[in-house]
């Protein structure tokens, strides 16, 4: 019995360490596992051991092996929230900057090898929705909910604007294309609100 209690303590410490390294709260982890945050707290305090199915899910979630969860490890440094946030912002800015670098390179190459091409500047226009895609991907990975809906909205309207401007400079006025953005925007907002409320309702059902 004492050996099992010791195992519960080790697993609890590992869950807490990995959760903090992933910048997750107990409620965040509980939501991903479809458990209550009280269960997460109980495990982290060594007052119980998750079943094998949950251990496997935790290993997948934290990108470690089950062995890493059940063995004792030296305490690893956990980055403060502000440091982790700053690092993510820098990664995001560099990734968006890469989109604009590609646009500049494309503009320069057109200027060198196709100097008579009148609309090389469109490369900069395409960089806007490309940047929105980058922000959307990272906001989904890091669970930045409000940035997710903002970047999705920017992507919808800038993508339509790119199509409109590109067609316009070639002599086609297709302004009606912007009407497509209205239902897309409504669907995006509906999905965001529904997804958020679904998680809230599921949380209260667990209670």
N, C-alpha and C. Protein backbone atom coordinates (compact mmCIF):
# COMPACT_ATOMS: atom_id res chain seq x y z
N UNK A 1 0.83 -1.21 0.00
CA UNK A 1 0.00 0.00 0.00
C UNK A 1 0.86 1.26 0.00
N UNK A 2 1.95 1.19 0.78
CA UNK A 2 2.86 2.34 0.86
C UNK A 2 3.50 2.59 -0.50
N UNK A 3 3.83 1.52 -1.21
CA UNK A 3 4.44 1.65 -2.54
C UNK A 3 3.47 2.31 -3.52
N UNK A 4 2.19 1.96 -3.41
CA UNK A 4 1.19 2.55 -4.29
C UNK A 4 1.00 4.03 -3.96
N UNK A 5 1.05 4.36 -2.66
CA UNK A 5 0.94 5.77 -2.26
C UNK A 5 2.11 6.57 -2.82
N UNK A 6 3.30 5.99 -2.79
CA UNK A 6 4.48 6.67 -3.31
C UNK A 6 4.35 6.88 -4.82
N UNK A 7 3.81 5.88 -5.52
CA UNK A 7 3.60 6.00 -6.95
C UNK A 7 2.61 7.12 -7.26
N UNK A 8 1.57 7.22 -6.45
CA UNK A 8 0.56 8.27 -6.65
C UNK A 8 1.19 9.65 -6.49
N UNK A 9 2.10 9.79 -5.52
CA UNK A 9 2.78 11.07 -5.30
C UNK A 9 3.67 11.41 -6.49
N UNK A 10 4.41 10.42 -6.99
CA UNK A 10 5.30 10.64 -8.13
C UNK A 10 4.51 11.06 -9.36
N UNK A 11 3.43 10.31 -9.64
CA UNK A 11 2.60 10.63 -10.81
C UNK A 11 1.99 12.03 -10.65
N UNK A 12 1.54 12.35 -9.44
CA UNK A 12 0.96 13.66 -9.19
C UNK A 12 1.94 14.78 -9.44
N UNK A 13 3.18 14.61 -8.98
CA UNK A 13 4.21 15.63 -9.21
C UNK A 13 4.51 15.79 -10.69
N UNK A 14 4.55 14.66 -11.40
CA UNK A 14 4.84 14.73 -12.84
C UNK A 14 3.71 15.41 -13.60
N UNK A 15 2.47 15.12 -13.22
CA UNK A 15 1.33 15.78 -13.88
C UNK A 15 1.38 17.29 -13.64
N UNK A 16 1.64 17.68 -12.40
CA UNK A 16 1.71 19.10 -12.07
C UNK A 16 2.84 19.79 -12.84
N UNK A 17 4.01 19.14 -12.88
CA UNK A 17 5.17 19.73 -13.56
C UNK A 17 4.90 19.90 -15.05
N UNK A 18 4.37 18.85 -15.68
CA UNK A 18 4.11 18.92 -17.12
C UNK A 18 2.99 19.91 -17.44
N UNK A 19 1.99 19.96 -16.55
CA UNK A 19 0.89 20.90 -16.76
C UNK A 19 1.40 22.34 -16.72
N UNK A 20 2.25 22.65 -15.75
CA UNK A 20 2.78 24.01 -15.63
C UNK A 20 3.71 24.34 -16.79
N UNK A 21 4.49 23.36 -17.24
CA UNK A 21 5.37 23.58 -18.38
C UNK A 21 4.57 23.85 -19.65
N UNK A 22 3.36 23.28 -19.72
CA UNK A 22 2.47 23.51 -20.86
C UNK A 22 1.63 24.78 -20.68
N UNK A 23 1.86 25.49 -19.57
CA UNK A 23 1.15 26.74 -19.29
C UNK A 23 -0.37 26.51 -19.23
N UNK A 24 -0.75 25.43 -18.55
CA UNK A 24 -2.15 25.08 -18.43
C UNK A 24 -2.58 25.15 -16.97
N UNK A 25 -3.84 25.54 -16.74
CA UNK A 25 -4.41 25.48 -15.41
C UNK A 25 -5.00 24.09 -15.20
N UNK A 26 -5.38 23.80 -13.97
CA UNK A 26 -6.03 22.51 -13.70
C UNK A 26 -7.34 22.41 -14.47
N UNK A 27 -8.03 23.54 -14.62
CA UNK A 27 -9.29 23.53 -15.37
C UNK A 27 -9.04 23.27 -16.85
N UNK A 28 -7.96 23.84 -17.39
CA UNK A 28 -7.61 23.59 -18.80
C UNK A 28 -7.37 22.10 -19.03
N UNK A 29 -6.58 21.50 -18.13
CA UNK A 29 -6.25 20.08 -18.28
C UNK A 29 -7.51 19.22 -18.12
N UNK A 30 -8.33 19.59 -17.14
CA UNK A 30 -9.57 18.84 -16.91
C UNK A 30 -10.47 18.89 -18.14
N UNK A 31 -10.51 20.04 -18.79
CA UNK A 31 -11.33 20.21 -19.98
C UNK A 31 -10.86 19.30 -21.11
N UNK A 32 -9.55 19.18 -21.27
CA UNK A 32 -9.00 18.34 -22.34
C UNK A 32 -9.21 16.85 -22.05
N UNK A 33 -9.30 16.49 -20.78
CA UNK A 33 -9.47 15.09 -20.41
C UNK A 33 -10.93 14.71 -20.17
N UNK A 34 -11.81 15.73 -20.22
CA UNK A 34 -13.24 15.51 -19.90
C UNK A 34 -13.42 15.02 -18.46
N UNK A 35 -12.61 15.57 -17.57
CA UNK A 35 -12.73 15.30 -16.14
C UNK A 35 -12.95 16.63 -15.42
N UNK A 36 -13.26 16.57 -14.14
CA UNK A 36 -13.40 17.79 -13.36
C UNK A 36 -12.03 18.24 -12.86
N UNK A 37 -11.90 19.52 -12.59
CA UNK A 37 -10.62 20.02 -12.06
C UNK A 37 -10.35 19.47 -10.66
N UNK A 38 -11.41 19.01 -9.98
CA UNK A 38 -11.22 18.39 -8.66
C UNK A 38 -10.44 17.09 -8.80
N UNK A 39 -10.68 16.36 -9.89
CA UNK A 39 -9.93 15.12 -10.12
C UNK A 39 -8.46 15.43 -10.39
N UNK A 40 -8.20 16.48 -11.17
CA UNK A 40 -6.82 16.87 -11.45
C UNK A 40 -6.11 17.25 -10.15
N UNK A 41 -6.79 18.03 -9.32
CA UNK A 41 -6.21 18.44 -8.04
C UNK A 41 -5.93 17.22 -7.16
N UNK A 42 -6.84 16.26 -7.16
CA UNK A 42 -6.66 15.05 -6.35
C UNK A 42 -5.43 14.26 -6.82
N UNK A 43 -5.27 14.12 -8.13
CA UNK A 43 -4.12 13.39 -8.66
C UNK A 43 -2.81 14.11 -8.32
N UNK A 44 -2.81 15.43 -8.48
CA UNK A 44 -1.58 16.19 -8.25
C UNK A 44 -1.18 16.17 -6.77
N UNK A 45 -2.15 16.00 -5.90
CA UNK A 45 -1.85 15.91 -4.48
C UNK A 45 -1.47 14.50 -4.05
N UNK A 46 -1.47 13.57 -5.00
CA UNK A 46 -1.10 12.19 -4.69
C UNK A 46 -2.19 11.41 -3.99
N UNK A 47 -3.45 11.86 -4.14
CA UNK A 47 -4.56 11.18 -3.47
C UNK A 47 -5.31 10.22 -4.39
N UNK A 48 -4.65 9.81 -5.41
CA UNK A 48 -5.27 8.87 -6.35
C UNK A 48 -4.41 8.74 -7.58
N UNK A 49 -4.61 7.68 -8.33
CA UNK A 49 -3.85 7.43 -9.54
C UNK A 49 -4.81 7.35 -10.72
N UNK A 50 -4.56 8.11 -11.79
CA UNK A 50 -5.42 8.01 -12.99
C UNK A 50 -5.36 6.60 -13.56
N UNK A 51 -6.45 6.16 -14.19
CA UNK A 51 -6.41 4.84 -14.80
C UNK A 51 -5.50 4.85 -16.03
N UNK A 52 -5.26 3.68 -16.57
CA UNK A 52 -4.30 3.54 -17.67
C UNK A 52 -4.71 4.38 -18.88
N UNK A 53 -6.00 4.42 -19.16
CA UNK A 53 -6.48 5.20 -20.31
C UNK A 53 -6.14 6.67 -20.17
N UNK A 54 -6.29 7.20 -18.96
CA UNK A 54 -5.99 8.61 -18.72
C UNK A 54 -4.48 8.85 -18.75
N UNK A 55 -3.70 7.88 -18.25
CA UNK A 55 -2.24 8.03 -18.30
C UNK A 55 -1.76 8.10 -19.76
N UNK A 56 -2.34 7.26 -20.61
CA UNK A 56 -1.98 7.29 -22.02
C UNK A 56 -2.38 8.63 -22.65
N UNK A 57 -3.58 9.12 -22.29
CA UNK A 57 -4.04 10.41 -22.82
C UNK A 57 -3.15 11.54 -22.35
N UNK A 58 -2.71 11.49 -21.09
CA UNK A 58 -1.81 12.51 -20.56
C UNK A 58 -0.47 12.48 -21.29
N UNK A 59 0.03 11.28 -21.54
CA UNK A 59 1.31 11.14 -22.25
C UNK A 59 1.21 11.74 -23.65
N UNK A 60 0.09 11.49 -24.34
CA UNK A 60 -0.11 12.05 -25.68
C UNK A 60 -0.24 13.57 -25.62
N UNK A 61 -0.94 14.04 -24.61
CA UNK A 61 -1.19 15.47 -24.47
C UNK A 61 0.09 16.25 -24.21
N UNK A 62 0.96 15.69 -23.36
CA UNK A 62 2.21 16.38 -23.01
C UNK A 62 3.39 15.95 -23.88
N UNK A 63 3.12 15.06 -24.85
CA UNK A 63 4.16 14.58 -25.77
C UNK A 63 5.31 13.92 -25.01
N UNK A 64 4.96 13.05 -24.07
CA UNK A 64 5.95 12.28 -23.31
C UNK A 64 5.50 10.81 -23.34
N UNK A 65 6.30 9.94 -22.77
CA UNK A 65 5.91 8.54 -22.66
C UNK A 65 5.20 8.31 -21.33
N UNK A 66 4.46 7.22 -21.24
CA UNK A 66 3.82 6.86 -19.98
C UNK A 66 4.88 6.64 -18.91
N UNK A 67 6.02 6.12 -19.33
CA UNK A 67 7.14 5.91 -18.42
C UNK A 67 7.58 7.22 -17.77
N UNK A 68 7.53 8.30 -18.53
CA UNK A 68 7.90 9.61 -17.98
C UNK A 68 6.92 10.06 -16.91
N UNK A 69 5.70 9.56 -16.99
CA UNK A 69 4.68 9.96 -16.01
C UNK A 69 4.79 9.19 -14.71
N UNK A 70 5.25 7.96 -14.77
CA UNK A 70 5.23 7.10 -13.58
C UNK A 70 6.59 7.01 -12.88
N UNK A 71 7.62 7.62 -13.49
CA UNK A 71 8.95 7.58 -12.85
C UNK A 71 9.29 8.94 -12.28
N UNK A 72 10.07 8.91 -11.21
CA UNK A 72 10.47 10.15 -10.55
C UNK A 72 11.55 10.83 -11.37
N UNK A 73 11.42 12.15 -11.52
CA UNK A 73 12.38 12.94 -12.28
C UNK A 73 12.87 14.09 -11.42
N UNK A 74 14.10 14.54 -11.67
CA UNK A 74 14.56 15.75 -10.98
C UNK A 74 13.67 16.92 -11.37
N UNK A 75 13.49 17.82 -10.44
CA UNK A 75 12.63 18.97 -10.73
C UNK A 75 13.20 19.76 -11.90
N UNK A 76 12.35 20.03 -12.89
CA UNK A 76 12.77 20.81 -14.04
C UNK A 76 12.23 22.22 -13.90
N UNK A 77 12.99 23.15 -14.47
CA UNK A 77 12.60 24.55 -14.38
C UNK A 77 11.32 24.79 -15.18
N UNK A 78 10.41 25.49 -14.58
CA UNK A 78 9.18 25.88 -15.25
C UNK A 78 9.25 27.37 -15.53
N UNK A 79 9.12 27.74 -16.79
CA UNK A 79 9.23 29.15 -17.15
C UNK A 79 8.04 29.93 -16.60
N UNK A 80 8.29 31.13 -16.07
CA UNK A 80 7.19 31.97 -15.62
C UNK A 80 6.24 32.29 -16.78
N UNK A 81 5.00 32.55 -16.44
CA UNK A 81 3.98 32.81 -17.46
C UNK A 81 4.39 33.97 -18.37
N UNK A 82 4.93 35.07 -17.78
CA UNK A 82 5.29 36.24 -18.58
C UNK A 82 6.40 35.91 -19.57
N UNK A 83 7.38 35.09 -19.13
CA UNK A 83 8.47 34.70 -20.02
C UNK A 83 7.95 33.87 -21.17
N UNK A 84 7.06 32.95 -20.88
CA UNK A 84 6.50 32.09 -21.92
C UNK A 84 5.65 32.91 -22.89
N UNK A 85 4.90 33.87 -22.36
CA UNK A 85 4.07 34.72 -23.22
C UNK A 85 4.94 35.55 -24.15
N UNK A 86 6.03 36.12 -23.60
CA UNK A 86 6.93 36.93 -24.41
C UNK A 86 7.57 36.09 -25.52
N UNK A 87 7.94 34.87 -25.19
CA UNK A 87 8.54 33.98 -26.18
C UNK A 87 7.55 33.68 -27.30
N UNK A 88 6.30 33.45 -26.95
CA UNK A 88 5.29 33.16 -27.96
C UNK A 88 5.03 34.37 -28.85
N UNK A 89 5.00 35.54 -28.25
CA UNK A 89 4.79 36.76 -29.04
C UNK A 89 5.93 36.95 -30.04
N UNK A 90 7.16 36.69 -29.59
CA UNK A 90 8.33 36.82 -30.48
C UNK A 90 8.23 35.81 -31.63
N UNK A 91 7.86 34.56 -31.31
CA UNK A 91 7.70 33.54 -32.35
C UNK A 91 6.63 33.97 -33.36
N UNK A 92 5.53 34.51 -32.84
CA UNK A 92 4.44 34.94 -33.71
C UNK A 92 4.88 36.08 -34.62
N UNK A 93 5.61 37.06 -34.05
CA UNK A 93 6.06 38.20 -34.84
C UNK A 93 7.06 37.78 -35.91
N UNK A 94 7.96 36.86 -35.56
CA UNK A 94 8.93 36.37 -36.54
C UNK A 94 8.25 35.61 -37.67
N UNK A 95 7.22 34.84 -37.33
CA UNK A 95 6.51 34.08 -38.35
C UNK A 95 5.74 35.00 -39.29
N UNK A 96 5.10 36.02 -38.73
CA UNK A 96 4.40 37.00 -39.57
C UNK A 96 5.42 37.77 -40.42
N UNK A 97 6.55 38.11 -39.79
CA UNK A 97 7.61 38.81 -40.53
C UNK A 97 8.11 38.00 -41.71
N UNK A 98 8.12 36.68 -41.56
CA UNK A 98 8.55 35.81 -42.66
C UNK A 98 7.61 35.93 -43.86
N UNK A 99 6.31 36.07 -43.58
CA UNK A 99 5.35 36.25 -44.68
C UNK A 99 5.67 37.51 -45.47
N UNK A 100 5.98 38.58 -44.75
CA UNK A 100 6.28 39.84 -45.43
C UNK A 100 7.65 39.80 -46.11
N UNK A 101 8.57 39.05 -45.55
CA UNK A 101 9.87 38.87 -46.21
C UNK A 101 9.69 38.16 -47.55
N UNK A 102 8.85 37.14 -47.56
CA UNK A 102 8.57 36.42 -48.81
C UNK A 102 7.92 37.36 -49.82
N UNK A 103 7.02 38.26 -49.34
CA UNK A 103 6.37 39.22 -50.23
C UNK A 103 7.40 40.18 -50.83
N UNK A 104 8.34 40.64 -50.00
CA UNK A 104 9.39 41.55 -50.49
C UNK A 104 10.27 40.84 -51.52
N UNK A 105 10.67 39.60 -51.21
CA UNK A 105 11.49 38.83 -52.14
C UNK A 105 10.76 38.64 -53.47
N UNK A 106 9.47 38.31 -53.40
CA UNK A 106 8.69 38.14 -54.62
C UNK A 106 8.62 39.43 -55.42
N UNK A 107 8.41 40.56 -54.74
CA UNK A 107 8.35 41.87 -55.41
C UNK A 107 9.67 42.19 -56.10
N UNK A 108 10.78 41.93 -55.38
CA UNK A 108 12.11 42.20 -55.94
C UNK A 108 12.39 41.30 -57.15
N UNK A 109 12.05 40.03 -57.05
CA UNK A 109 12.30 39.10 -58.15
C UNK A 109 11.49 39.48 -59.39
N UNK A 110 10.23 39.89 -59.17
CA UNK A 110 9.43 40.35 -60.31
C UNK A 110 10.07 41.59 -60.94
N UNK A 111 10.60 42.48 -60.06
CA UNK A 111 11.24 43.69 -60.58
C UNK A 111 12.49 43.40 -61.39
N UNK A 112 13.20 42.32 -61.04
CA UNK A 112 14.44 41.97 -61.75
C UNK A 112 14.16 41.18 -63.02
N UNK A 113 13.34 40.14 -62.88
CA UNK A 113 13.14 39.22 -64.01
C UNK A 113 11.89 39.54 -64.85
N UNK A 114 10.99 40.34 -64.31
CA UNK A 114 9.79 40.72 -65.08
C UNK A 114 9.48 42.20 -64.83
N UNK A 115 10.41 43.07 -65.24
CA UNK A 115 10.25 44.51 -64.93
C UNK A 115 9.02 45.14 -65.56
N UNK A 116 8.48 44.52 -66.59
CA UNK A 116 7.30 45.08 -67.26
C UNK A 116 5.99 44.64 -66.62
N UNK A 117 6.09 43.80 -65.60
CA UNK A 117 4.87 43.35 -64.94
C UNK A 117 4.33 44.48 -64.07
N UNK A 118 3.12 45.02 -64.37
CA UNK A 118 2.65 46.22 -63.68
C UNK A 118 2.10 45.99 -62.28
N UNK A 119 1.78 44.75 -61.95
CA UNK A 119 1.08 44.53 -60.69
C UNK A 119 1.88 43.68 -59.71
N UNK A 120 3.20 43.87 -59.71
CA UNK A 120 4.04 43.12 -58.78
C UNK A 120 3.73 43.47 -57.33
N UNK A 121 3.19 44.67 -57.12
CA UNK A 121 2.87 45.10 -55.75
C UNK A 121 1.78 44.24 -55.11
N UNK A 122 1.08 43.44 -55.90
CA UNK A 122 0.06 42.56 -55.33
C UNK A 122 0.66 41.55 -54.36
N UNK A 123 1.97 41.33 -54.48
CA UNK A 123 2.64 40.40 -53.54
C UNK A 123 2.44 40.86 -52.10
N UNK A 124 2.45 42.17 -51.87
CA UNK A 124 2.25 42.70 -50.52
C UNK A 124 0.81 42.51 -50.06
N UNK A 125 -0.12 42.58 -51.02
CA UNK A 125 -1.52 42.38 -50.67
C UNK A 125 -1.77 40.94 -50.22
N UNK A 126 -1.13 39.98 -50.90
CA UNK A 126 -1.30 38.57 -50.55
C UNK A 126 -0.67 38.26 -49.18
N UNK A 127 0.28 39.10 -48.75
CA UNK A 127 0.94 38.86 -47.47
C UNK A 127 -0.01 39.08 -46.29
N UNK A 128 -1.08 39.86 -46.50
CA UNK A 128 -2.01 40.15 -45.39
C UNK A 128 -2.81 38.91 -44.99
N UNK A 129 -3.53 38.25 -45.91
CA UNK A 129 -4.23 37.02 -45.48
C UNK A 129 -3.27 35.90 -45.08
N UNK A 130 -2.07 35.88 -45.70
CA UNK A 130 -1.08 34.87 -45.30
C UNK A 130 -0.67 35.08 -43.84
N UNK A 131 -0.52 36.33 -43.44
CA UNK A 131 -0.19 36.64 -42.05
C UNK A 131 -1.33 36.23 -41.12
N UNK A 132 -2.57 36.45 -41.58
CA UNK A 132 -3.73 36.06 -40.78
C UNK A 132 -3.78 34.54 -40.58
N UNK A 133 -3.39 33.79 -41.61
CA UNK A 133 -3.35 32.33 -41.48
C UNK A 133 -2.32 31.92 -40.43
N UNK A 134 -1.15 32.56 -40.45
CA UNK A 134 -0.10 32.24 -39.47
C UNK A 134 -0.60 32.52 -38.06
N UNK A 135 -1.21 33.68 -37.86
CA UNK A 135 -1.72 34.04 -36.53
C UNK A 135 -2.82 33.07 -36.11
N UNK A 136 -3.69 32.67 -37.04
CA UNK A 136 -4.76 31.74 -36.73
C UNK A 136 -4.20 30.39 -36.28
N UNK A 137 -3.20 29.90 -36.97
CA UNK A 137 -2.59 28.60 -36.63
C UNK A 137 -2.00 28.65 -35.23
N UNK A 138 -1.21 29.67 -34.94
CA UNK A 138 -0.58 29.75 -33.62
C UNK A 138 -1.61 29.99 -32.52
N UNK A 139 -2.65 30.77 -32.80
CA UNK A 139 -3.68 31.01 -31.77
C UNK A 139 -4.44 29.73 -31.46
N UNK A 140 -4.59 28.84 -32.46
CA UNK A 140 -5.22 27.54 -32.21
C UNK A 140 -4.30 26.64 -31.39
N UNK A 141 -3.02 26.65 -31.72
CA UNK A 141 -2.05 25.81 -31.00
C UNK A 141 -1.96 26.24 -29.54
N UNK A 142 -1.94 27.55 -29.31
CA UNK A 142 -1.75 28.07 -27.95
C UNK A 142 -3.06 28.37 -27.24
N UNK A 143 -4.19 28.07 -27.86
CA UNK A 143 -5.52 28.29 -27.25
C UNK A 143 -5.76 29.75 -26.88
N UNK A 144 -5.36 30.66 -27.77
CA UNK A 144 -5.66 32.08 -27.59
C UNK A 144 -7.00 32.34 -28.27
N UNK A 145 -8.07 32.21 -27.51
CA UNK A 145 -9.42 32.15 -28.08
C UNK A 145 -9.81 33.43 -28.82
N UNK A 146 -9.61 34.59 -28.20
CA UNK A 146 -10.05 35.83 -28.83
C UNK A 146 -9.19 36.18 -30.03
N UNK A 147 -7.89 35.90 -29.97
CA UNK A 147 -7.03 36.14 -31.12
C UNK A 147 -7.42 35.21 -32.27
N UNK A 148 -7.91 34.04 -31.91
CA UNK A 148 -8.35 33.08 -32.93
C UNK A 148 -9.50 33.65 -33.75
N UNK A 149 -10.51 34.19 -33.10
CA UNK A 149 -11.66 34.71 -33.84
C UNK A 149 -11.29 35.98 -34.58
N UNK A 150 -10.41 36.81 -34.01
CA UNK A 150 -9.98 38.03 -34.70
C UNK A 150 -9.21 37.69 -35.96
N UNK A 151 -8.25 36.75 -35.85
CA UNK A 151 -7.44 36.38 -37.01
C UNK A 151 -8.29 35.70 -38.08
N UNK A 152 -9.29 34.92 -37.65
CA UNK A 152 -10.18 34.29 -38.62
C UNK A 152 -11.01 35.33 -39.37
N UNK A 153 -11.48 36.35 -38.65
CA UNK A 153 -12.24 37.43 -39.28
C UNK A 153 -11.36 38.20 -40.27
N UNK A 154 -10.13 38.51 -39.84
CA UNK A 154 -9.20 39.21 -40.73
C UNK A 154 -8.92 38.37 -41.98
N UNK A 155 -8.76 37.08 -41.79
CA UNK A 155 -8.50 36.19 -42.93
C UNK A 155 -9.66 36.21 -43.92
N UNK A 156 -10.89 36.14 -43.42
CA UNK A 156 -12.06 36.11 -44.31
C UNK A 156 -12.11 37.36 -45.18
N UNK A 157 -12.02 38.53 -44.53
CA UNK A 157 -12.22 39.78 -45.28
C UNK A 157 -11.01 40.15 -46.13
N UNK A 158 -9.81 39.88 -45.67
CA UNK A 158 -8.63 40.21 -46.48
C UNK A 158 -8.50 39.26 -47.68
N UNK A 159 -8.90 38.00 -47.50
CA UNK A 159 -8.87 37.06 -48.62
C UNK A 159 -9.85 37.51 -49.71
N UNK A 160 -11.03 37.95 -49.29
CA UNK A 160 -12.00 38.47 -50.26
C UNK A 160 -11.48 39.75 -50.91
N UNK A 161 -10.81 40.60 -50.11
CA UNK A 161 -10.26 41.84 -50.65
C UNK A 161 -9.17 41.56 -51.67
N UNK A 162 -8.35 40.55 -51.41
CA UNK A 162 -7.29 40.18 -52.35
C UNK A 162 -7.90 39.74 -53.68
N UNK A 163 -8.94 38.91 -53.61
CA UNK A 163 -9.59 38.44 -54.83
C UNK A 163 -10.20 39.61 -55.59
N UNK A 164 -10.84 40.52 -54.83
CA UNK A 164 -11.49 41.67 -55.47
C UNK A 164 -10.47 42.59 -56.14
N UNK A 165 -9.42 42.96 -55.42
CA UNK A 165 -8.42 43.88 -55.97
C UNK A 165 -7.71 43.26 -57.16
N UNK A 166 -7.35 41.98 -57.04
CA UNK A 166 -6.68 41.30 -58.15
C UNK A 166 -7.55 41.30 -59.40
N UNK A 167 -8.84 41.03 -59.21
CA UNK A 167 -9.75 41.05 -60.36
C UNK A 167 -9.94 42.46 -60.89
N UNK A 168 -9.97 43.43 -59.98
CA UNK A 168 -10.22 44.83 -60.38
C UNK A 168 -9.09 45.37 -61.25
N UNK A 169 -7.85 45.08 -60.87
CA UNK A 169 -6.72 45.61 -61.64
C UNK A 169 -6.65 44.97 -63.03
N UNK A 170 -7.30 43.85 -63.17
CA UNK A 170 -7.35 43.20 -64.48
C UNK A 170 -8.67 43.48 -65.21
N UNK A 171 -9.41 44.48 -64.69
CA UNK A 171 -10.58 44.96 -65.42
C UNK A 171 -11.91 44.36 -65.03
N UNK A 172 -11.99 43.68 -63.91
CA UNK A 172 -13.25 43.05 -63.49
C UNK A 172 -13.67 43.59 -62.12
N UNK A 173 -14.86 44.18 -62.07
CA UNK A 173 -15.37 44.71 -60.80
C UNK A 173 -16.34 43.68 -60.20
N UNK A 174 -15.85 42.92 -59.25
CA UNK A 174 -16.68 41.84 -58.67
C UNK A 174 -16.97 42.15 -57.19
N UNK A 175 -17.46 43.36 -56.95
CA UNK A 175 -17.68 43.80 -55.57
C UNK A 175 -18.68 42.91 -54.82
N UNK A 176 -19.53 42.21 -55.58
CA UNK A 176 -20.51 41.33 -54.93
C UNK A 176 -19.86 40.20 -54.13
N UNK A 177 -18.57 39.97 -54.40
CA UNK A 177 -17.88 38.88 -53.68
C UNK A 177 -17.86 39.14 -52.18
N UNK A 178 -17.94 40.42 -51.79
CA UNK A 178 -17.91 40.74 -50.36
C UNK A 178 -19.16 40.24 -49.64
N UNK A 179 -20.23 39.99 -50.37
CA UNK A 179 -21.42 39.43 -49.75
C UNK A 179 -21.16 38.03 -49.18
N UNK A 180 -20.18 37.34 -49.77
CA UNK A 180 -19.83 36.02 -49.26
C UNK A 180 -19.27 36.12 -47.84
N UNK A 181 -18.62 37.25 -47.56
CA UNK A 181 -18.00 37.42 -46.25
C UNK A 181 -19.01 37.49 -45.11
N UNK A 182 -20.24 37.94 -45.41
CA UNK A 182 -21.25 38.09 -44.34
C UNK A 182 -21.61 36.74 -43.72
N UNK A 183 -22.05 35.74 -44.51
CA UNK A 183 -22.36 34.45 -43.87
C UNK A 183 -21.11 33.77 -43.28
N UNK A 184 -19.95 33.97 -43.93
CA UNK A 184 -18.73 33.39 -43.38
C UNK A 184 -18.42 33.98 -42.01
N UNK A 185 -18.59 35.30 -41.88
CA UNK A 185 -18.33 35.95 -40.60
C UNK A 185 -19.32 35.48 -39.54
N UNK A 186 -20.58 35.36 -39.93
CA UNK A 186 -21.61 34.89 -38.98
C UNK A 186 -21.29 33.48 -38.53
N UNK A 187 -20.91 32.62 -39.47
CA UNK A 187 -20.58 31.24 -39.13
C UNK A 187 -19.38 31.18 -38.19
N UNK A 188 -18.38 32.02 -38.47
CA UNK A 188 -17.18 32.04 -37.63
C UNK A 188 -17.53 32.46 -36.20
N UNK A 189 -18.35 33.50 -36.06
CA UNK A 189 -18.75 33.96 -34.73
C UNK A 189 -19.63 32.92 -34.04
N UNK A 190 -20.53 32.32 -34.79
CA UNK A 190 -21.41 31.31 -34.21
C UNK A 190 -20.60 30.13 -33.70
N UNK A 191 -19.64 29.67 -34.51
CA UNK A 191 -18.81 28.53 -34.10
C UNK A 191 -18.02 28.88 -32.86
N UNK A 192 -17.46 30.09 -32.80
CA UNK A 192 -16.67 30.50 -31.65
C UNK A 192 -17.51 30.53 -30.39
N UNK A 193 -18.70 31.16 -30.46
CA UNK A 193 -19.57 31.27 -29.29
C UNK A 193 -20.09 29.89 -28.89
N UNK A 194 -20.49 29.09 -29.88
CA UNK A 194 -21.00 27.75 -29.58
C UNK A 194 -19.93 26.89 -28.93
N UNK A 195 -18.71 26.95 -29.45
CA UNK A 195 -17.61 26.15 -28.91
C UNK A 195 -17.32 26.54 -27.47
N UNK A 196 -17.35 27.85 -27.19
CA UNK A 196 -17.07 28.32 -25.84
C UNK A 196 -18.18 27.90 -24.88
N UNK A 197 -19.43 28.06 -25.31
CA UNK A 197 -20.55 27.69 -24.45
C UNK A 197 -20.61 26.19 -24.24
N UNK A 198 -20.27 25.42 -25.26
CA UNK A 198 -20.29 23.96 -25.13
C UNK A 198 -19.33 23.50 -24.06
N UNK A 199 -18.16 24.15 -23.98
CA UNK A 199 -17.19 23.79 -22.95
C UNK A 199 -17.68 24.19 -21.57
N UNK A 200 -18.36 25.35 -21.49
CA UNK A 200 -18.89 25.80 -20.20
C UNK A 200 -19.97 24.84 -19.71
N UNK A 201 -20.89 24.45 -20.60
CA UNK A 201 -21.97 23.54 -20.23
C UNK A 201 -21.41 22.19 -19.81
N UNK A 202 -20.39 21.71 -20.53
CA UNK A 202 -19.81 20.43 -20.19
C UNK A 202 -19.14 20.49 -18.81
N UNK A 203 -18.54 21.64 -18.50
CA UNK A 203 -17.90 21.81 -17.19
C UNK A 203 -18.94 21.71 -16.07
N UNK A 204 -20.10 22.39 -16.25
CA UNK A 204 -21.11 22.37 -15.20
C UNK A 204 -21.79 21.00 -15.09
N UNK A 205 -21.89 20.27 -16.21
CA UNK A 205 -22.43 18.92 -16.14
C UNK A 205 -21.55 18.01 -15.31
N UNK A 206 -20.23 18.23 -15.41
CA UNK A 206 -19.30 17.42 -14.60
C UNK A 206 -19.45 17.72 -13.13
N UNK A 207 -19.82 18.98 -12.82
CA UNK A 207 -20.01 19.34 -11.42
C UNK A 207 -21.22 18.63 -10.85
